[in-house]
Amino acid sequence: MNESLKYELKQGICTLTINRPEAMNALNHEVFAGLDQAADLLSADEGEVRCVILRGAGKAFCAGLDLKMLGANAENPNLGAQAAVVEKIAALPMPVIAQVHSYCFAGALELALACDLIFVDEQTQLADTHGKWGLSPCWGMTQRLPRRVGRARALDLMYSSRRVSAGEALSIGLVDRVFAVDDLAEMTWAFAEEVAENSTLTHRICKEVLGATDSMPVSYTHLRA
């Protein structure tokens, strides 16, 4: 792990902290390398890690992709590798909670959507701002956002690039819990402790079946279970 991504394990709960506060935790090569390494470690875990919290250091969760990484014509030369890392986070066998505060835009929102649950504080703003920069949302936004909020609302957010308040995000299903600013970390940890007390086997089975049978008939899930 490098300094841009901190990995901490305590009481069966792994905390991954994006650690570029001077850049609003914008996602760069070092952050992706850290996330990739962390995802590999967690994927190989045999039950010690019971829940994961993904958060950002400093004043915001994440401002999205570091635009300095873009090549000529605003192209992202590392798109495939970055998308693979996001998919590794989504595929982790244990529950993953995005602990989001202040800002969560574009690529940061795609990263949060790859988590199982999104908890925010009441001052958080979320947005898909790819359209403002002429970028393509290629880390799962076009699939995961409509699955959370519905096709029409997803297009509303994508077309307008508008910022969504925590309250609206909760009302449309974009996020799962909203807490006071001073309570977000404590309440997220408390929920993770509840999760950690339950069966890791059940969590893994539920997550695997939900992922494998999305949009499939209910009868298929009976067979898998």
C-alpha atoms as a PDB file:
ATOM      1  CA  MET A   1       0.000   0.000   0.000  1.00  0.00           C
ATOM      2  CA  ASN A   2       1.213   3.545  -0.695  1.00  0.00           C
ATOM      3  CA  GLU A   3       0.583   6.805   1.151  1.00  0.00           C
ATOM      4  CA  SER A   4      -2.297   7.748  -1.132  1.00  0.00           C
ATOM      5  CA  LEU A   5      -4.429   4.860   0.139  1.00  0.00           C
ATOM      6  CA  LYS A   6      -4.373   3.888   3.804  1.00  0.00           C
ATOM      7  CA  TYR A   7      -5.394   0.386   4.897  1.00  0.00           C
ATOM      8  CA  GLU A   8      -6.391  -0.268   8.488  1.00  0.00           C
ATOM      9  CA  LEU A   9      -7.917  -3.402  10.018  1.00  0.00           C
ATOM     10  CA  LYS A  10      -9.556  -3.248  13.437  1.00  0.00           C
ATOM     11  CA  GLN A  11     -12.128  -5.549  15.016  1.00  0.00           C
ATOM     12  CA  GLY A  12     -12.784  -7.276  11.722  1.00  0.00           C
ATOM     13  CA  ILE A  13     -13.509  -3.967   9.954  1.00  0.00           C
ATOM     14  CA  CYS A  14     -11.167  -2.777   7.200  1.00  0.00           C
ATOM     15  CA  THR A  15     -11.022   0.968   6.611  1.00  0.00           C
ATOM     16  CA  LEU A  16      -9.686   2.164   3.261  1.00  0.00           C
ATOM     17  CA  THR A  17      -8.914   5.883   3.287  1.00  0.00           C
ATOM     18  CA  ILE A  18      -8.147   7.826   0.124  1.00  0.00           C
ATOM     19  CA  ASN A  19      -5.372  10.057   1.397  1.00  0.00           C
ATOM     20  CA  ARG A  20      -4.849  13.012  -0.941  1.00  0.00           C
ATOM     21  CA  PRO A  21      -6.552  15.753   1.081  1.00  0.00           C
ATOM     22  CA  GLU A  22      -4.482  18.461  -0.588  1.00  0.00           C
ATOM     23  CA  ALA A  23      -6.162  17.490  -3.891  1.00  0.00           C
ATOM     24  CA  MET A  24      -9.639  16.784  -2.490  1.00  0.00           C
ATOM     25  CA  ASN A  25      -8.705  13.099  -2.790  1.00  0.00           C
ATOM     26  CA  ALA A  26      -8.800  13.225  -6.582  1.00  0.00           C
ATOM     27  CA  LEU A  27      -8.155   9.788  -8.062  1.00  0.00           C
ATOM     28  CA  ASN A  28      -4.682   9.416  -9.569  1.00  0.00           C
ATOM     29  CA  HIS A  29      -2.294   6.567 -10.401  1.00  0.00           C
ATOM     30  CA  GLU A  30      -1.203   6.121  -6.788  1.00  0.00           C
ATOM     31  CA  VAL A  31      -4.773   5.938  -5.464  1.00  0.00           C
ATOM     32  CA  PHE A  32      -5.719   3.353  -8.083  1.00  0.00           C
ATOM     33  CA  ALA A  33      -2.581   1.340  -7.330  1.00  0.00           C
ATOM     34  CA  GLY A  34      -3.451   1.364  -3.641  1.00  0.00           C
ATOM     35  CA  LEU A  35      -7.070   0.385  -4.282  1.00  0.00           C
ATOM     36  CA  ASP A  36      -5.913  -2.408  -6.585  1.00  0.00           C
ATOM     37  CA  GLN A  37      -3.555  -3.824  -3.970  1.00  0.00           C
ATOM     38  CA  ALA A  38      -6.163  -3.497  -1.222  1.00  0.00           C
ATOM     39  CA  ALA A  39      -8.800  -5.223  -3.362  1.00  0.00           C
ATOM     40  CA  ASP A  40      -6.429  -8.126  -4.003  1.00  0.00           C
ATOM     41  CA  LEU A  41      -5.757  -8.510  -0.281  1.00  0.00           C
ATOM     42  CA  LEU A  42      -9.449  -8.366   0.575  1.00  0.00           C
ATOM     43  CA  SER A  43     -10.423 -10.784  -2.193  1.00  0.00           C
ATOM     44  CA  ALA A  44      -8.010 -13.325  -0.743  1.00  0.00           C
ATOM     45  CA  ASP A  45      -9.233 -12.811   2.824  1.00  0.00           C
ATOM     46  CA  GLU A  46     -10.516 -15.968   4.513  1.00  0.00           C
ATOM     47  CA  GLY A  47     -12.923 -14.393   6.981  1.00  0.00           C
ATOM     48  CA  GLU A  48     -10.823 -12.041   9.107  1.00  0.00           C
ATOM     49  CA  VAL A  49     -12.289  -9.002   7.338  1.00  0.00           C
ATOM     50  CA  ARG A  50     -16.027  -8.864   7.925  1.00  0.00           C
ATOM     51  CA  CYS A  51     -16.838  -5.422   6.549  1.00  0.00           C
ATOM     52  CA  VAL A  52     -15.074  -2.659   4.588  1.00  0.00           C
ATOM     53  CA  ILE A  53     -15.477   1.114   4.899  1.00  0.00           C
ATOM     54  CA  LEU A  54     -14.233   3.288   2.023  1.00  0.00           C
ATOM     55  CA  ARG A  55     -13.745   6.950   2.929  1.00  0.00           C
ATOM     56  CA  GLY A  56     -11.707  10.047   2.117  1.00  0.00           C
ATOM     57  CA  ALA A  57      -9.323  12.042   4.289  1.00  0.00           C
ATOM     58  CA  GLY A  58      -9.702  15.746   4.895  1.00  0.00           C
ATOM     59  CA  LYS A  59     -12.469  18.036   3.677  1.00  0.00           C
ATOM     60  CA  ALA A  60     -14.161  15.769   1.113  1.00  0.00           C
ATOM     61  CA  PHE A  61     -14.709  12.154   0.133  1.00  0.00           C
ATOM     62  CA  CYS A  62     -13.383  12.556  -3.391  1.00  0.00           C
ATOM     63  CA  ALA A  63     -13.542  15.131  -6.179  1.00  0.00           C
ATOM     64  CA  GLY A  64     -13.380  12.468  -8.910  1.00  0.00           C
ATOM     65  CA  LEU A  65     -10.655  11.698 -11.410  1.00  0.00           C
ATOM     66  CA  ASP A  66      -7.536  13.840 -11.193  1.00  0.00           C
ATOM     67  CA  LEU A  67      -7.775  15.691 -14.508  1.00  0.00           C
ATOM     68  CA  LYS A  68      -3.986  15.821 -14.706  1.00  0.00           C
ATOM     69  CA  MET A  69      -4.160  12.141 -15.662  1.00  0.00           C
ATOM     70  CA  LEU A  70      -5.928  12.920 -18.931  1.00  0.00           C
ATOM     71  CA  GLY A  71      -3.992  12.797 -22.146  1.00  0.00           C
ATOM     72  CA  ALA A  72      -4.472  14.712 -25.362  1.00  0.00           C
ATOM     73  CA  ASN A  73      -8.061  15.580 -26.306  1.00  0.00           C
ATOM     74  CA  ALA A  74      -9.197  14.901 -22.741  1.00  0.00           C
ATOM     75  CA  GLU A  75      -8.729  11.156 -23.239  1.00  0.00           C
ATOM     76  CA  ASN A  76      -8.088   8.809 -20.339  1.00  0.00           C
ATOM     77  CA  PRO A  77      -5.222   6.512 -21.360  1.00  0.00           C
ATOM     78  CA  ASN A  78      -5.660   4.284 -18.290  1.00  0.00           C
ATOM     79  CA  LEU A  79      -9.400   3.785 -18.558  1.00  0.00           C
ATOM     80  CA  GLY A  80      -9.349  -0.014 -18.785  1.00  0.00           C
ATOM     81  CA  ALA A  81      -7.056  -0.504 -15.806  1.00  0.00           C
ATOM     82  CA  GLN A  82      -9.032   1.981 -13.708  1.00  0.00           C
ATOM     83  CA  ALA A  83     -12.351   0.336 -14.576  1.00  0.00           C
ATOM     84  CA  ALA A  84     -10.892  -3.039 -13.582  1.00  0.00           C
ATOM     85  CA  VAL A  85      -9.963  -1.675 -10.151  1.00  0.00           C
ATOM     86  CA  VAL A  86     -13.477  -0.296  -9.605  1.00  0.00           C
ATOM     87  CA  GLU A  87     -14.901  -3.679 -10.584  1.00  0.00           C
ATOM     88  CA  LYS A  88     -12.593  -5.364  -8.068  1.00  0.00           C
ATOM     89  CA  ILE A  89     -14.086  -3.167  -5.343  1.00  0.00           C
ATOM     90  CA  ALA A  90     -17.598  -4.064  -6.501  1.00  0.00           C
ATOM     91  CA  ALA A  91     -16.734  -7.778  -6.506  1.00  0.00           C
ATOM     92  CA  LEU A  92     -15.339  -7.935  -2.977  1.00  0.00           C
ATOM     93  CA  PRO A  93     -16.991 -10.799  -1.078  1.00  0.00           C
ATOM     94  CA  MET A  94     -17.698  -8.829   2.085  1.00  0.00           C
ATOM     95  CA  PRO A  95     -20.072  -5.848   2.590  1.00  0.00           C
ATOM     96  CA  VAL A  96     -18.539  -2.533   1.512  1.00  0.00           C
ATOM     97  CA  ILE A  97     -19.805   0.844   2.755  1.00  0.00           C
ATOM     98  CA  ALA A  98     -18.900   4.153   1.127  1.00  0.00           C
ATOM     99  CA  GLN A  99     -18.605   6.790   3.879  1.00  0.00           C
ATOM    100  CA  VAL A 100     -19.090   9.964   1.852  1.00  0.00           C
ATOM    101  CA  HIS A 101     -18.753  13.529   3.069  1.00  0.00           C
ATOM    102  CA  SER A 102     -18.876  16.943   1.385  1.00  0.00           C
ATOM    103  CA  TYR A 103     -18.284  16.212  -2.313  1.00  0.00           C
ATOM    104  CA  CYS A 104     -18.749  13.138  -4.501  1.00  0.00           C
ATOM    105  CA  PHE A 105     -18.564  13.939  -8.197  1.00  0.00           C
ATOM    106  CA  ALA A 106     -18.205  11.989 -11.455  1.00  0.00           C
ATOM    107  CA  GLY A 107     -15.603   9.225 -10.958  1.00  0.00           C
ATOM    108  CA  ALA A 108     -15.988   9.511  -7.195  1.00  0.00           C
ATOM    109  CA  LEU A 109     -19.691   8.767  -7.566  1.00  0.00           C
ATOM    110  CA  GLU A 110     -18.864   5.771  -9.763  1.00  0.00           C
ATOM    111  CA  LEU A 111     -16.530   4.517  -7.048  1.00  0.00           C
ATOM    112  CA  ALA A 112     -19.197   5.002  -4.370  1.00  0.00           C
ATOM    113  CA  LEU A 113     -21.780   3.220  -6.519  1.00  0.00           C
ATOM    114  CA  ALA A 114     -19.452   0.226  -6.697  1.00  0.00           C
ATOM    115  CA  CYS A 115     -19.885  -0.136  -2.936  1.00  0.00           C
ATOM    116  CA  ASP A 116     -22.882  -1.962  -1.465  1.00  0.00           C
ATOM    117  CA  LEU A 117     -24.140   0.937   0.638  1.00  0.00           C
ATOM    118  CA  ILE A 118     -23.570   4.695   0.565  1.00  0.00           C
ATOM    119  CA  PHE A 119     -23.725   6.690   3.809  1.00  0.00           C
ATOM    120  CA  VAL A 120     -23.397  10.494   3.621  1.00  0.00           C
ATOM    121  CA  ASP A 121     -23.484  13.505   5.900  1.00  0.00           C
ATOM    122  CA  GLU A 122     -26.221  16.100   5.577  1.00  0.00           C
ATOM    123  CA  GLN A 123     -23.965  18.591   3.773  1.00  0.00           C
ATOM    124  CA  THR A 124     -22.850  16.156   1.068  1.00  0.00           C
ATOM    125  CA  GLN A 125     -23.393  17.005  -2.587  1.00  0.00           C
ATOM    126  CA  LEU A 126     -23.305  14.347  -5.290  1.00  0.00           C
ATOM    127  CA  ALA A 127     -23.229  14.775  -9.061  1.00  0.00           C
ATOM    128  CA  ASP A 128     -22.389  13.099 -12.335  1.00  0.00           C
ATOM    129  CA  THR A 129     -20.318  15.877 -13.883  1.00  0.00           C
ATOM    130  CA  HIS A 130     -18.821  13.893 -16.780  1.00  0.00           C
ATOM    131  CA  GLY A 131     -20.815  16.044 -19.194  1.00  0.00           C
ATOM    132  CA  LYS A 132     -19.136  19.237 -17.973  1.00  0.00           C
ATOM    133  CA  TRP A 133     -15.756  17.874 -19.021  1.00  0.00           C
ATOM    134  CA  GLY A 134     -16.711  15.968 -22.168  1.00  0.00           C
ATOM    135  CA  LEU A 135     -15.824  12.654 -20.516  1.00  0.00           C
ATOM    136  CA  SER A 136     -17.476   9.232 -20.747  1.00  0.00           C
ATOM    137  CA  PRO A 137     -18.669   7.516 -17.540  1.00  0.00           C
ATOM    138  CA  CYS A 138     -16.912   4.187 -18.024  1.00  0.00           C
ATOM    139  CA  TRP A 139     -16.507   2.832 -14.487  1.00  0.00           C
ATOM    140  CA  GLY A 140     -20.048   1.477 -14.165  1.00  0.00           C
ATOM    141  CA  MET A 141     -22.115   4.654 -13.862  1.00  0.00           C
ATOM    142  CA  THR A 142     -24.389   3.832 -16.785  1.00  0.00           C
ATOM    143  CA  GLN A 143     -25.355   0.510 -15.215  1.00  0.00           C
ATOM    144  CA  ARG A 144     -25.278   1.154 -11.474  1.00  0.00           C
ATOM    145  CA  LEU A 145     -26.877   4.596 -11.354  1.00  0.00           C
ATOM    146  CA  PRO A 146     -30.141   3.585 -13.119  1.00  0.00           C
ATOM    147  CA  ARG A 147     -30.313   0.445 -10.995  1.00  0.00           C
ATOM    148  CA  ARG A 148     -30.342   2.661  -7.937  1.00  0.00           C
ATOM    149  CA  VAL A 149     -32.543   5.555  -9.027  1.00  0.00           C
ATOM    150  CA  GLY A 150     -34.282   4.395 -12.207  1.00  0.00           C
ATOM    151  CA  ARG A 151     -33.534   5.157 -15.844  1.00  0.00           C
ATOM    152  CA  ALA A 152     -35.264   8.547 -16.063  1.00  0.00           C
ATOM    153  CA  ARG A 153     -33.663   9.932 -12.902  1.00  0.00           C
ATOM    154  CA  ALA A 154     -30.276   8.614 -13.990  1.00  0.00           C
ATOM    155  CA  LEU A 155     -30.598  10.429 -17.305  1.00  0.00           C
ATOM    156  CA  ASP A 156     -31.716  13.575 -15.473  1.00  0.00           C
ATOM    157  CA  LEU A 157     -28.515  13.525 -13.418  1.00  0.00           C
ATOM    158  CA  MET A 158     -26.301  12.627 -16.373  1.00  0.00           C
ATOM    159  CA  TYR A 159     -27.752  15.194 -18.774  1.00  0.00           C
ATOM    160  CA  SER A 160     -27.876  18.094 -16.302  1.00  0.00           C
ATOM    161  CA  SER A 161     -24.671  17.443 -14.311  1.00  0.00           C
ATOM    162  CA  ARG A 162     -26.557  19.094 -11.459  1.00  0.00           C
ATOM    163  CA  ARG A 163     -25.572  18.671  -7.828  1.00  0.00           C
ATOM    164  CA  VAL A 164     -27.895  16.609  -5.653  1.00  0.00           C
ATOM    165  CA  SER A 165     -28.246  17.367  -1.953  1.00  0.00           C
ATOM    166  CA  ALA A 166     -28.063  14.639   0.674  1.00  0.00           C
ATOM    167  CA  GLY A 167     -31.798  14.938   1.283  1.00  0.00           C
ATOM    168  CA  GLU A 168     -32.725  14.522  -2.366  1.00  0.00           C
ATOM    169  CA  ALA A 169     -30.192  11.721  -2.773  1.00  0.00           C
ATOM    170  CA  LEU A 170     -31.858   9.820   0.061  1.00  0.00           C
ATOM    171  CA  SER A 171     -35.348  10.425  -1.312  1.00  0.00           C
ATOM    172  CA  ILE A 172     -34.478   9.021  -4.760  1.00  0.00           C
ATOM    173  CA  GLY A 173     -32.459   6.080  -3.431  1.00  0.00           C
ATOM    174  CA  LEU A 174     -29.061   7.324  -4.525  1.00  0.00           C
ATOM    175  CA  VAL A 175     -27.761   7.008  -0.950  1.00  0.00           C
ATOM    176  CA  ASP A 176     -28.848   4.789   1.928  1.00  0.00           C
ATOM    177  CA  ARG A 177     -28.323   6.806   5.126  1.00  0.00           C
ATOM    178  CA  VAL A 178     -27.867  10.496   5.948  1.00  0.00           C
ATOM    179  CA  PHE A 179     -26.260  11.578   9.215  1.00  0.00           C
ATOM    180  CA  ALA A 180     -25.266  14.837  10.872  1.00  0.00           C
ATOM    181  CA  VAL A 181     -21.811  15.986   9.827  1.00  0.00           C
ATOM    182  CA  ASP A 182     -20.293  15.192  13.213  1.00  0.00           C
ATOM    183  CA  ASP A 183     -22.000  11.780  13.379  1.00  0.00           C
ATOM    184  CA  LEU A 184     -21.159  10.261   9.996  1.00  0.00           C
ATOM    185  CA  ALA A 185     -17.959   8.449  10.956  1.00  0.00           C
ATOM    186  CA  GLU A 186     -19.315   7.194  14.278  1.00  0.00           C
ATOM    187  CA  MET A 187     -22.604   5.966  12.833  1.00  0.00           C
ATOM    188  CA  THR A 188     -20.922   4.298   9.864  1.00  0.00           C
ATOM    189  CA  TRP A 189     -18.580   2.484  12.224  1.00  0.00           C
ATOM    190  CA  ALA A 190     -21.503   1.437  14.439  1.00  0.00           C
ATOM    191  CA  PHE A 191     -23.306  -0.036  11.440  1.00  0.00           C
ATOM    192  CA  ALA A 192     -20.132  -1.837  10.347  1.00  0.00           C
ATOM    193  CA  GLU A 193     -19.889  -3.348  13.829  1.00  0.00           C
ATOM    194  CA  GLU A 194     -23.449  -4.669  13.473  1.00  0.00           C
ATOM    195  CA  VAL A 195     -22.540  -6.176  10.119  1.00  0.00           C
ATOM    196  CA  ALA A 196     -19.378  -7.731  11.546  1.00  0.00           C
ATOM    197  CA  GLU A 197     -21.393  -9.536  14.215  1.00  0.00           C
ATOM    198  CA  ASN A 198     -23.356 -11.455  11.592  1.00  0.00           C
ATOM    199  CA  SER A 199     -22.403 -14.409   9.407  1.00  0.00           C
ATOM    200  CA  THR A 200     -19.682 -13.750   6.858  1.00  0.00           C
ATOM    201  CA  LEU A 201     -20.870 -16.826   4.956  1.00  0.00           C
ATOM    202  CA  THR A 202     -24.383 -15.426   4.663  1.00  0.00           C
ATOM    203  CA  HIS A 203     -23.046 -12.054   3.544  1.00  0.00           C
ATOM    204  CA  ARG A 204     -20.902 -13.678   0.870  1.00  0.00           C
ATOM    205  CA  ILE A 205     -23.746 -15.835  -0.421  1.00  0.00           C
ATOM    206  CA  CYS A 206     -26.214 -12.940  -0.506  1.00  0.00           C
ATOM    207  CA  LYS A 207     -23.780 -10.676  -2.302  1.00  0.00           C
ATOM    208  CA  GLU A 208     -22.784 -13.356  -4.794  1.00  0.00           C
ATOM    209  CA  VAL A 209     -26.386 -14.316  -5.603  1.00  0.00           C
ATOM    210  CA  LEU A 210     -27.564 -10.700  -5.895  1.00  0.00           C
ATOM    211  CA  GLY A 211     -24.691  -9.924  -8.217  1.00  0.00           C
ATOM    212  CA  ALA A 212     -25.135 -13.012 -10.363  1.00  0.00           C
ATOM    213  CA  THR A 213     -28.925 -12.857 -10.692  1.00  0.00           C
ATOM    214  CA  ASP A 214     -29.670  -9.162 -11.112  1.00  0.00           C
ATOM    215  CA  SER A 215     -32.726  -8.860 -13.411  1.00  0.00           C
ATOM    216  CA  MET A 216     -33.099 -12.649 -13.600  1.00  0.00           C
ATOM    217  CA  PRO A 217     -36.256 -14.566 -12.599  1.00  0.00           C
ATOM    218  CA  VAL A 218     -36.779 -15.225  -8.894  1.00  0.00           C
ATOM    219  CA  SER A 219     -36.860 -18.987  -9.566  1.00  0.00           C
ATOM    220  CA  TYR A 220     -33.179 -18.837 -10.565  1.00  0.00           C
ATOM    221  CA  THR A 221     -32.199 -17.359  -7.204  1.00  0.00           C
ATOM    222  CA  HIS A 222     -33.961 -20.252  -5.484  1.00  0.00           C
ATOM    223  CA  LEU A 223     -31.775 -22.677  -7.401  1.00  0.00           C
ATOM    224  CA  ARG A 224     -28.596 -20.771  -6.537  1.00  0.00           C
ATOM    225  CA  ALA A 225     -29.473 -20.562  -2.842  1.00  0.00           C
END
